[in-house]
Amino acid sequence: MWIILLSLAAGAAIGYFLKLSNKQKKINSKVQQFGVIFLLFSMGISAGSNKSVIANLKSIGSTSLTFAVLTSLFSIILVFIVTNKFMKGEDHK
């Protein structure tokens, strides 16, 4: 856990103190994209090798879908309420 937090802090410090050129930002973007793809791939291997995950895939999928839909729905409702309450009279473009 500490290695993850230290890596995050080191990256934040480097990003704050060193200004990256556009070329370096593009390279960093590709490295980040590769990292995310590798993370998803390794998570897929882990989930696929777990027999209880495979056995409960239908239940996990329906729970995940419900969570995603409700989270999105209530986020939209909350943004609508906050926008109407605090942004009255402002141009909503």
PDB file of N, CA and C in Angstrom:
ATOM      1  N   MET A   1       0.823  -1.199   0.000  1.00  0.00           N
ATOM      2  CA  MET A   1       0.000   0.000   0.000  1.00  0.00           C
ATOM      3  C   MET A   1       0.867   1.262   0.000  1.00  0.00           C
ATOM      4  N   TRP A   2       1.945   1.219   0.789  1.00  0.00           N
ATOM      5  CA  TRP A   2       2.810   2.396   0.870  1.00  0.00           C
ATOM      6  C   TRP A   2       3.480   2.697  -0.465  1.00  0.00           C
ATOM      7  N   ILE A   3       3.830   1.667  -1.205  1.00  0.00           N
ATOM      8  CA  ILE A   3       4.483   1.884  -2.495  1.00  0.00           C
ATOM      9  C   ILE A   3       3.548   2.612  -3.458  1.00  0.00           C
ATOM     10  N   ILE A   4       2.267   2.311  -3.378  1.00  0.00           N
ATOM     11  CA  ILE A   4       1.285   2.973  -4.239  1.00  0.00           C
ATOM     12  C   ILE A   4       1.165   4.446  -3.860  1.00  0.00           C
ATOM     13  N   LEU A   5       1.046   4.729  -2.569  1.00  0.00           N
ATOM     14  CA  LEU A   5       0.930   6.117  -2.116  1.00  0.00           C
ATOM     15  C   LEU A   5       2.189   6.916  -2.413  1.00  0.00           C
ATOM     16  N   LEU A   6       3.363   6.304  -2.203  1.00  0.00           N
ATOM     17  CA  LEU A   6       4.620   6.999  -2.498  1.00  0.00           C
ATOM     18  C   LEU A   6       4.764   7.265  -3.992  1.00  0.00           C
ATOM     19  N   SER A   7       4.350   6.307  -4.818  1.00  0.00           N
ATOM     20  CA  SER A   7       4.397   6.508  -6.274  1.00  0.00           C
ATOM     21  C   SER A   7       3.477   7.646  -6.700  1.00  0.00           C
ATOM     22  N   LEU A   8       2.293   7.682  -6.114  1.00  0.00           N
ATOM     23  CA  LEU A   8       1.352   8.754  -6.428  1.00  0.00           C
ATOM     24  C   LEU A   8       1.903  10.106  -5.995  1.00  0.00           C
ATOM     25  N   ALA A   9       2.471  10.177  -4.801  1.00  0.00           N
ATOM     26  CA  ALA A   9       3.042  11.431  -4.296  1.00  0.00           C
ATOM     27  C   ALA A   9       4.233  11.869  -5.148  1.00  0.00           C
ATOM     28  N   ALA A  10       5.074  10.918  -5.537  1.00  0.00           N
ATOM     29  CA  ALA A  10       6.228  11.254  -6.379  1.00  0.00           C
ATOM     30  C   ALA A  10       5.769  11.790  -7.734  1.00  0.00           C
ATOM     31  N   GLY A  11       4.782  11.146  -8.320  1.00  0.00           N
ATOM     32  CA  GLY A  11       4.249  11.615  -9.602  1.00  0.00           C
ATOM     33  C   GLY A  11       3.627  12.994  -9.497  1.00  0.00           C
ATOM     34  N   ALA A  12       2.896  13.236  -8.416  1.00  0.00           N
ATOM     35  CA  ALA A  12       2.290  14.551  -8.212  1.00  0.00           C
ATOM     36  C   ALA A  12       3.363  15.621  -8.034  1.00  0.00           C
ATOM     37  N   ALA A  13       4.420  15.303  -7.289  1.00  0.00           N
ATOM     38  CA  ALA A  13       5.511  16.268  -7.081  1.00  0.00           C
ATOM     39  C   ALA A  13       6.228  16.568  -8.391  1.00  0.00           C
ATOM     40  N   ILE A  14       6.501  15.531  -9.162  1.00  0.00           N
ATOM     41  CA  ILE A  14       7.154  15.742 -10.458  1.00  0.00           C
ATOM     42  C   ILE A  14       6.267  16.588 -11.362  1.00  0.00           C
ATOM     43  N   GLY A  15       4.995  16.288 -11.404  1.00  0.00           N
ATOM     44  CA  GLY A  15       4.064  17.059 -12.229  1.00  0.00           C
ATOM     45  C   GLY A  15       3.937  18.505 -11.773  1.00  0.00           C
ATOM     46  N   TYR A  16       4.055  18.730 -10.486  1.00  0.00           N
ATOM     47  CA  TYR A  16       3.916  20.098  -9.951  1.00  0.00           C
ATOM     48  C   TYR A  16       5.175  20.924 -10.187  1.00  0.00           C
ATOM     49  N   PHE A  17       6.342  20.325  -9.942  1.00  0.00           N
ATOM     50  CA  PHE A  17       7.586  21.088 -10.006  1.00  0.00           C
ATOM     51  C   PHE A  17       8.222  21.109 -11.390  1.00  0.00           C
ATOM     52  N   LEU A  18       8.034  20.086 -12.183  1.00  0.00           N
ATOM     53  CA  LEU A  18       8.606  20.044 -13.522  1.00  0.00           C
ATOM     54  C   LEU A  18       7.500  20.240 -14.551  1.00  0.00           C
ATOM     55  N   LYS A  19       7.669  21.229 -15.373  1.00  0.00           N
ATOM     56  CA  LYS A  19       6.688  21.467 -16.428  1.00  0.00           C
ATOM     57  C   LYS A  19       7.069  20.650 -17.652  1.00  0.00           C
ATOM     58  N   LEU A  20       6.195  19.774 -18.059  1.00  0.00           N
ATOM     59  CA  LEU A  20       6.456  18.891 -19.179  1.00  0.00           C
ATOM     60  C   LEU A  20       6.156  19.583 -20.499  1.00  0.00           C
ATOM     61  N   SER A  21       6.984  19.292 -21.495  1.00  0.00           N
ATOM     62  CA  SER A  21       6.724  19.812 -22.838  1.00  0.00           C
ATOM     63  C   SER A  21       5.552  19.040 -23.448  1.00  0.00           C
ATOM     64  N   ASN A  22       5.068  19.528 -24.561  1.00  0.00           N
ATOM     65  CA  ASN A  22       3.955  18.837 -25.231  1.00  0.00           C
ATOM     66  C   ASN A  22       4.350  17.426 -25.656  1.00  0.00           C
ATOM     67  N   LYS A  23       5.604  17.251 -26.099  1.00  0.00           N
ATOM     68  CA  LYS A  23       6.076  15.927 -26.492  1.00  0.00           C
ATOM     69  C   LYS A  23       6.106  14.993 -25.281  1.00  0.00           C
ATOM     70  N   GLN A  24       6.579  15.499 -24.139  1.00  0.00           N
ATOM     71  CA  GLN A  24       6.619  14.692 -22.929  1.00  0.00           C
ATOM     72  C   GLN A  24       5.212  14.357 -22.440  1.00  0.00           C
ATOM     73  N   LYS A  25       4.288  15.287 -22.603  1.00  0.00           N
ATOM     74  CA  LYS A  25       2.907  15.022 -22.214  1.00  0.00           C
ATOM     75  C   LYS A  25       2.297  13.923 -23.078  1.00  0.00           C
ATOM     76  N   LYS A  26       2.607  13.917 -24.378  1.00  0.00           N
ATOM     77  CA  LYS A  26       2.103  12.873 -25.267  1.00  0.00           C
ATOM     78  C   LYS A  26       2.676  11.514 -24.888  1.00  0.00           C
ATOM     79  N   ILE A  27       3.974  11.482 -24.565  1.00  0.00           N
ATOM     80  CA  ILE A  27       4.600  10.226 -24.133  1.00  0.00           C
ATOM     81  C   ILE A  27       3.970   9.758 -22.828  1.00  0.00           C
ATOM     82  N   ASN A  28       3.776  10.680 -21.888  1.00  0.00           N
ATOM     83  CA  ASN A  28       3.157  10.343 -20.607  1.00  0.00           C
ATOM     84  C   ASN A  28       1.742   9.804 -20.813  1.00  0.00           C
ATOM     85  N   SER A  29       1.022  10.383 -21.746  1.00  0.00           N
ATOM     86  CA  SER A  29      -0.336   9.920 -22.047  1.00  0.00           C
ATOM     87  C   SER A  29      -0.324   8.478 -22.549  1.00  0.00           C
ATOM     88  N   LYS A  30       0.639   8.156 -23.423  1.00  0.00           N
ATOM     89  CA  LYS A  30       0.746   6.785 -23.940  1.00  0.00           C
ATOM     90  C   LYS A  30       1.116   5.809 -22.827  1.00  0.00           C
ATOM     91  N   VAL A  31       2.027   6.221 -21.923  1.00  0.00           N
ATOM     92  CA  VAL A  31       2.415   5.361 -20.804  1.00  0.00           C
ATOM     93  C   VAL A  31       1.216   5.121 -19.892  1.00  0.00           C
ATOM     94  N   GLN A  32       0.444   6.165 -19.631  1.00  0.00           N
ATOM     95  CA  GLN A  32      -0.757   6.019 -18.798  1.00  0.00           C
ATOM     96  C   GLN A  32      -1.761   5.078 -19.453  1.00  0.00           C
ATOM     97  N   GLN A  33      -1.958   5.235 -20.752  1.00  0.00           N
ATOM     98  CA  GLN A  33      -2.902   4.381 -21.469  1.00  0.00           C
ATOM     99  C   GLN A  33      -2.452   2.927 -21.411  1.00  0.00           C
ATOM    100  N   PHE A  34      -1.167   2.672 -21.618  1.00  0.00           N
ATOM    101  CA  PHE A  34      -0.646   1.318 -21.520  1.00  0.00           C
ATOM    102  C   PHE A  34      -0.842   0.769 -20.110  1.00  0.00           C
ATOM    103  N   GLY A  35      -0.599   1.593 -19.099  1.00  0.00           N
ATOM    104  CA  GLY A  35      -0.773   1.166 -17.713  1.00  0.00           C
ATOM    105  C   GLY A  35      -2.205   0.759 -17.411  1.00  0.00           C
ATOM    106  N   VAL A  36      -3.169   1.535 -17.897  1.00  0.00           N
ATOM    107  CA  VAL A  36      -4.580   1.215 -17.673  1.00  0.00           C
ATOM    108  C   VAL A  36      -4.962  -0.074 -18.393  1.00  0.00           C
ATOM    109  N   ILE A  37      -4.486  -0.224 -19.618  1.00  0.00           N
ATOM    110  CA  ILE A  37      -4.783  -1.445 -20.376  1.00  0.00           C
ATOM    111  C   ILE A  37      -4.186  -2.663 -19.680  1.00  0.00           C
ATOM    112  N   PHE A  38      -2.946  -2.545 -19.199  1.00  0.00           N
ATOM    113  CA  PHE A  38      -2.308  -3.645 -18.483  1.00  0.00           C
ATOM    114  C   PHE A  38      -3.063  -3.970 -17.197  1.00  0.00           C
ATOM    115  N   LEU A  39      -3.508  -2.929 -16.485  1.00  0.00           N
ATOM    116  CA  LEU A  39      -4.271  -3.136 -15.255  1.00  0.00           C
ATOM    117  C   LEU A  39      -5.575  -3.883 -15.543  1.00  0.00           C
ATOM    118  N   LEU A  40      -6.308  -3.469 -16.573  1.00  0.00           N
ATOM    119  CA  LEU A  40      -7.559  -4.143 -16.930  1.00  0.00           C
ATOM    120  C   LEU A  40      -7.306  -5.584 -17.360  1.00  0.00           C
ATOM    121  N   PHE A  41      -6.240  -5.801 -18.110  1.00  0.00           N
ATOM    122  CA  PHE A  41      -5.892  -7.148 -18.546  1.00  0.00           C
ATOM    123  C   PHE A  41      -5.597  -8.046 -17.351  1.00  0.00           C
ATOM    124  N   SER A  42      -4.792  -7.550 -16.412  1.00  0.00           N
ATOM    125  CA  SER A  42      -4.445  -8.367 -15.247  1.00  0.00           C
ATOM    126  C   SER A  42      -5.656  -8.589 -14.342  1.00  0.00           C
ATOM    127  N   MET A  43      -6.549  -7.614 -14.250  1.00  0.00           N
ATOM    128  CA  MET A  43      -7.780  -7.815 -13.483  1.00  0.00           C
ATOM    129  C   MET A  43      -8.671  -8.855 -14.153  1.00  0.00           C
ATOM    130  N   GLY A  44      -8.698  -8.857 -15.479  1.00  0.00           N
ATOM    131  CA  GLY A  44      -9.465  -9.860 -16.214  1.00  0.00           C
ATOM    132  C   GLY A  44      -8.927 -11.258 -15.984  1.00  0.00           C
ATOM    133  N   ILE A  45      -7.608 -11.386 -15.971  1.00  0.00           N
ATOM    134  CA  ILE A  45      -7.000 -12.696 -15.685  1.00  0.00           C
ATOM    135  C   ILE A  45      -7.376 -13.148 -14.281  1.00  0.00           C
ATOM    136  N   SER A  46      -7.285 -12.223 -13.322  1.00  0.00           N
ATOM    137  CA  SER A  46      -7.606 -12.553 -11.935  1.00  0.00           C
ATOM    138  C   SER A  46      -9.076 -12.968 -11.794  1.00  0.00           C
ATOM    139  N   ALA A  47      -9.968 -12.222 -12.417  1.00  0.00           N
ATOM    140  CA  ALA A  47     -11.398 -12.549 -12.332  1.00  0.00           C
ATOM    141  C   ALA A  47     -11.704 -13.849 -13.056  1.00  0.00           C
ATOM    142  N   GLY A  48     -11.075 -14.064 -14.207  1.00  0.00           N
ATOM    143  CA  GLY A  48     -11.331 -15.281 -14.980  1.00  0.00           C
ATOM    144  C   GLY A  48     -10.829 -16.544 -14.300  1.00  0.00           C
ATOM    145  N   SER A  49      -9.792 -16.415 -13.510  1.00  0.00           N
ATOM    146  CA  SER A  49      -9.254 -17.588 -12.831  1.00  0.00           C
ATOM    147  C   SER A  49      -9.967 -17.895 -11.520  1.00  0.00           C
ATOM    148  N   ASN A  50     -10.818 -16.987 -11.074  1.00  0.00           N
ATOM    149  CA  ASN A  50     -11.554 -17.186  -9.822  1.00  0.00           C
ATOM    150  C   ASN A  50     -12.880 -17.886 -10.146  1.00  0.00           C
ATOM    151  N   LYS A  51     -13.007 -19.116  -9.737  1.00  0.00           N
ATOM    152  CA  LYS A  51     -14.194 -19.916 -10.077  1.00  0.00           C
ATOM    153  C   LYS A  51     -15.482 -19.362  -9.468  1.00  0.00           C
ATOM    154  N   SER A  52     -15.384 -18.753  -8.282  1.00  0.00           N
ATOM    155  CA  SER A  52     -16.604 -18.207  -7.666  1.00  0.00           C
ATOM    156  C   SER A  52     -17.092 -16.969  -8.415  1.00  0.00           C
ATOM    157  N   VAL A  53     -16.178 -16.210  -8.987  1.00  0.00           N
ATOM    158  CA  VAL A  53     -16.587 -15.051  -9.794  1.00  0.00           C
ATOM    159  C   VAL A  53     -17.315 -15.531 -11.042  1.00  0.00           C
ATOM    160  N   ILE A  54     -16.757 -16.527 -11.697  1.00  0.00           N
ATOM    161  CA  ILE A  54     -17.383 -17.065 -12.910  1.00  0.00           C
ATOM    162  C   ILE A  54     -18.753 -17.660 -12.590  1.00  0.00           C
ATOM    163  N   ALA A  55     -18.855 -18.361 -11.469  1.00  0.00           N
ATOM    164  CA  ALA A  55     -20.126 -18.989 -11.084  1.00  0.00           C
ATOM    165  C   ALA A  55     -21.196 -17.955 -10.763  1.00  0.00           C
ATOM    166  N   ASN A  56     -20.799 -16.808 -10.240  1.00  0.00           N
ATOM    167  CA  ASN A  56     -21.752 -15.764  -9.835  1.00  0.00           C
ATOM    168  C   ASN A  56     -21.774 -14.594 -10.810  1.00  0.00           C
ATOM    169  N   LEU A  57     -21.333 -14.802 -12.025  1.00  0.00           N
ATOM    170  CA  LEU A  57     -21.219 -13.719 -13.000  1.00  0.00           C
ATOM    171  C   LEU A  57     -22.551 -13.017 -13.275  1.00  0.00           C
ATOM    172  N   LYS A  58     -23.626 -13.782 -13.372  1.00  0.00           N
ATOM    173  CA  LYS A  58     -24.941 -13.184 -13.640  1.00  0.00           C
ATOM    174  C   LYS A  58     -25.363 -12.266 -12.495  1.00  0.00           C
ATOM    175  N   SER A  59     -25.193 -12.716 -11.280  1.00  0.00           N
ATOM    176  CA  SER A  59     -25.551 -11.917 -10.107  1.00  0.00           C
ATOM    177  C   SER A  59     -24.661 -10.677  -9.993  1.00  0.00           C
ATOM    178  N   ILE A  60     -23.374 -10.854 -10.221  1.00  0.00           N
ATOM    179  CA  ILE A  60     -22.436  -9.730 -10.158  1.00  0.00           C
ATOM    180  C   ILE A  60     -22.777  -8.701 -11.238  1.00  0.00           C
ATOM    181  N   GLY A  61     -23.099  -9.184 -12.432  1.00  0.00           N
ATOM    182  CA  GLY A  61     -23.438  -8.280 -13.537  1.00  0.00           C
ATOM    183  C   GLY A  61     -24.690  -7.477 -13.271  1.00  0.00           C
ATOM    184  N   SER A  62     -25.735  -8.126 -12.748  1.00  0.00           N
ATOM    185  CA  SER A  62     -26.979  -7.399 -12.478  1.00  0.00           C
ATOM    186  C   SER A  62     -26.789  -6.400 -11.335  1.00  0.00           C
ATOM    187  N   THR A  63     -26.008  -6.769 -10.326  1.00  0.00           N
ATOM    188  CA  THR A  63     -25.725  -5.835  -9.236  1.00  0.00           C
ATOM    189  C   THR A  63     -24.923  -4.645  -9.747  1.00  0.00           C
ATOM    190  N   SER A  64     -23.934  -4.901 -10.592  1.00  0.00           N
ATOM    191  CA  SER A  64     -23.105  -3.825 -11.159  1.00  0.00           C
ATOM    192  C   SER A  64     -23.932  -2.890 -12.029  1.00  0.00           C
ATOM    193  N   LEU A  65     -24.812  -3.463 -12.845  1.00  0.00           N
ATOM    194  CA  LEU A  65     -25.664  -2.647 -13.704  1.00  0.00           C
ATOM    195  C   LEU A  65     -26.599  -1.780 -12.869  1.00  0.00           C
ATOM    196  N   THR A  66     -27.197  -2.361 -11.840  1.00  0.00           N
ATOM    197  CA  THR A  66     -28.083  -1.599 -10.951  1.00  0.00           C
ATOM    198  C   THR A  66     -27.329  -0.448 -10.293  1.00  0.00           C
ATOM    199  N   PHE A  67     -26.149  -0.746  -9.784  1.00  0.00           N
ATOM    200  CA  PHE A  67     -25.334   0.283  -9.134  1.00  0.00           C
ATOM    201  C   PHE A  67     -24.988   1.405 -10.110  1.00  0.00           C
ATOM    202  N   ALA A  68     -24.573   1.049 -11.331  1.00  0.00           N
ATOM    203  CA  ALA A  68     -24.198   2.056 -12.325  1.00  0.00           C
ATOM    204  C   ALA A  68     -25.384   2.937 -12.715  1.00  0.00           C
ATOM    205  N   VAL A  69     -26.537   2.309 -12.938  1.00  0.00           N
ATOM    206  CA  VAL A  69     -27.727   3.069 -13.346  1.00  0.00           C
ATOM    207  C   VAL A  69     -28.183   3.996 -12.222  1.00  0.00           C
ATOM    208  N   LEU A  70     -28.252   3.484 -10.998  1.00  0.00           N
ATOM    209  CA  LEU A  70     -28.696   4.319  -9.880  1.00  0.00           C
ATOM    210  C   LEU A  70     -27.718   5.443  -9.580  1.00  0.00           C
ATOM    211  N   THR A  71     -26.424   5.161  -9.669  1.00  0.00           N
ATOM    212  CA  THR A  71     -25.422   6.201  -9.455  1.00  0.00           C
ATOM    213  C   THR A  71     -25.569   7.314 -10.490  1.00  0.00           C
ATOM    214  N   SER A  72     -25.713   6.944 -11.741  1.00  0.00           N
ATOM    215  CA  SER A  72     -25.885   7.941 -12.801  1.00  0.00           C
ATOM    216  C   SER A  72     -27.175   8.731 -12.620  1.00  0.00           C
ATOM    217  N   LEU A  73     -28.259   8.034 -12.334  1.00  0.00           N
ATOM    218  CA  LEU A  73     -29.553   8.678 -12.167  1.00  0.00           C
ATOM    219  C   LEU A  73     -29.531   9.696 -11.026  1.00  0.00           C
ATOM    220  N   PHE A  74     -29.028   9.285  -9.862  1.00  0.00           N
ATOM    221  CA  PHE A  74     -29.013  10.200  -8.725  1.00  0.00           C
ATOM    222  C   PHE A  74     -28.004  11.326  -8.914  1.00  0.00           C
ATOM    223  N   SER A  75     -26.928  11.104  -9.665  1.00  0.00           N
ATOM    224  CA  SER A  75     -25.993  12.186  -9.981  1.00  0.00           C
ATOM    225  C   SER A  75     -26.678  13.242 -10.841  1.00  0.00           C
ATOM    226  N   ILE A  76     -27.429  12.792 -11.840  1.00  0.00           N
ATOM    227  CA  ILE A  76     -28.151  13.722 -12.712  1.00  0.00           C
ATOM    228  C   ILE A  76     -29.183  14.504 -11.907  1.00  0.00           C
ATOM    229  N   ILE A  77     -29.914  13.824 -11.048  1.00  0.00           N
ATOM    230  CA  ILE A  77     -30.926  14.490 -10.224  1.00  0.00           C
ATOM    231  C   ILE A  77     -30.278  15.519  -9.305  1.00  0.00           C
ATOM    232  N   LEU A  78     -29.162  15.151  -8.666  1.00  0.00           N
ATOM    233  CA  LEU A  78     -28.478  16.070  -7.756  1.00  0.00           C
ATOM    234  C   LEU A  78     -27.937  17.290  -8.496  1.00  0.00           C
ATOM    235  N   VAL A  79     -27.350  17.081  -9.666  1.00  0.00           N
ATOM    236  CA  VAL A  79     -26.857  18.215 -10.458  1.00  0.00           C
ATOM    237  C   VAL A  79     -28.017  19.111 -10.861  1.00  0.00           C
ATOM    238  N   PHE A  80     -29.136  18.545 -11.245  1.00  0.00           N
ATOM    239  CA  PHE A  80     -30.310  19.330 -11.615  1.00  0.00           C
ATOM    240  C   PHE A  80     -30.782  20.183 -10.438  1.00  0.00           C
ATOM    241  N   ILE A  81     -30.866  19.580  -9.248  1.00  0.00           N
ATOM    242  CA  ILE A  81     -31.328  20.306  -8.054  1.00  0.00           C
ATOM    243  C   ILE A  81     -30.352  21.419  -7.682  1.00  0.00           C
ATOM    244  N   VAL A  82     -29.059  21.100  -7.646  1.00  0.00           N
ATOM    245  CA  VAL A  82     -28.051  22.099  -7.267  1.00  0.00           C
ATOM    246  C   VAL A  82     -28.006  23.226  -8.295  1.00  0.00           C
ATOM    247  N   THR A  83     -28.084  22.890  -9.566  1.00  0.00           N
ATOM    248  CA  THR A  83     -28.071  23.914 -10.613  1.00  0.00           C
ATOM    249  C   THR A  83     -29.267  24.846 -10.473  1.00  0.00           C
ATOM    250  N   ASN A  84     -30.442  24.298 -10.256  1.00  0.00           N
ATOM    251  CA  ASN A  84     -31.631  25.134 -10.119  1.00  0.00           C
ATOM    252  C   ASN A  84     -31.605  25.966  -8.846  1.00  0.00           C
ATOM    253  N   LYS A  85     -31.019  25.453  -7.786  1.00  0.00           N
ATOM    254  CA  LYS A  85     -31.004  26.175  -6.519  1.00  0.00           C
ATOM    255  C   LYS A  85     -29.962  27.292  -6.496  1.00  0.00           C
ATOM    256  N   PHE A  86     -28.763  27.020  -6.993  1.00  0.00           N
ATOM    257  CA  PHE A  86     -27.661  27.964  -6.842  1.00  0.00           C
ATOM    258  C   PHE A  86     -27.354  28.779  -8.077  1.00  0.00           C
ATOM    259  N   MET A  87     -27.931  28.445  -9.210  1.00  0.00           N
ATOM    260  CA  MET A  87     -27.606  29.166 -10.439  1.00  0.00           C
ATOM    261  C   MET A  87     -28.817  29.861 -11.025  1.00  0.00           C
ATOM    262  N   LYS A  88     -29.721  30.285 -10.193  1.00  0.00           N
ATOM    263  CA  LYS A  88     -30.891  31.008 -10.691  1.00  0.00           C
ATOM    264  C   LYS A  88     -30.447  32.355 -11.255  1.00  0.00           C
ATOM    265  N   GLY A  89     -31.016  32.695 -12.386  1.00  0.00           N
ATOM    266  CA  GLY A  89     -30.726  33.981 -13.007  1.00  0.00           C
ATOM    267  C   GLY A  89     -29.458  34.009 -13.828  1.00  0.00           C
ATOM    268  N   GLU A  90     -28.653  32.938 -13.790  1.00  0.00           N
ATOM    269  CA  GLU A  90     -27.455  32.884 -14.600  1.00  0.00           C
ATOM    270  C   GLU A  90     -27.756  32.211 -15.923  1.00  0.00           C
ATOM    271  N   ASP A  91     -26.973  32.552 -16.908  1.00  0.00           N
ATOM    272  CA  ASP A  91     -27.143  31.947 -18.232  1.00  0.00           C
ATOM    273  C   ASP A  91     -26.572  30.533 -18.211  1.00  0.00           C
ATOM    274  N   HIS A  92     -27.375  29.510 -18.517  1.00  0.00           N
ATOM    275  CA  HIS A  92     -26.985  28.098 -18.439  1.00  0.00           C
ATOM    276  C   HIS A  92     -26.507  27.586 -19.792  1.00  0.00           C
ATOM    277  N   LYS A  93     -25.551  28.218 -20.401  1.00  0.00           N
ATOM    278  CA  LYS A  93     -25.078  27.766 -21.720  1.00  0.00           C
ATOM    279  C   LYS A  93     -23.955  26.806 -21.578  1.00  0.00           C
TER     280      LYS A  93
END
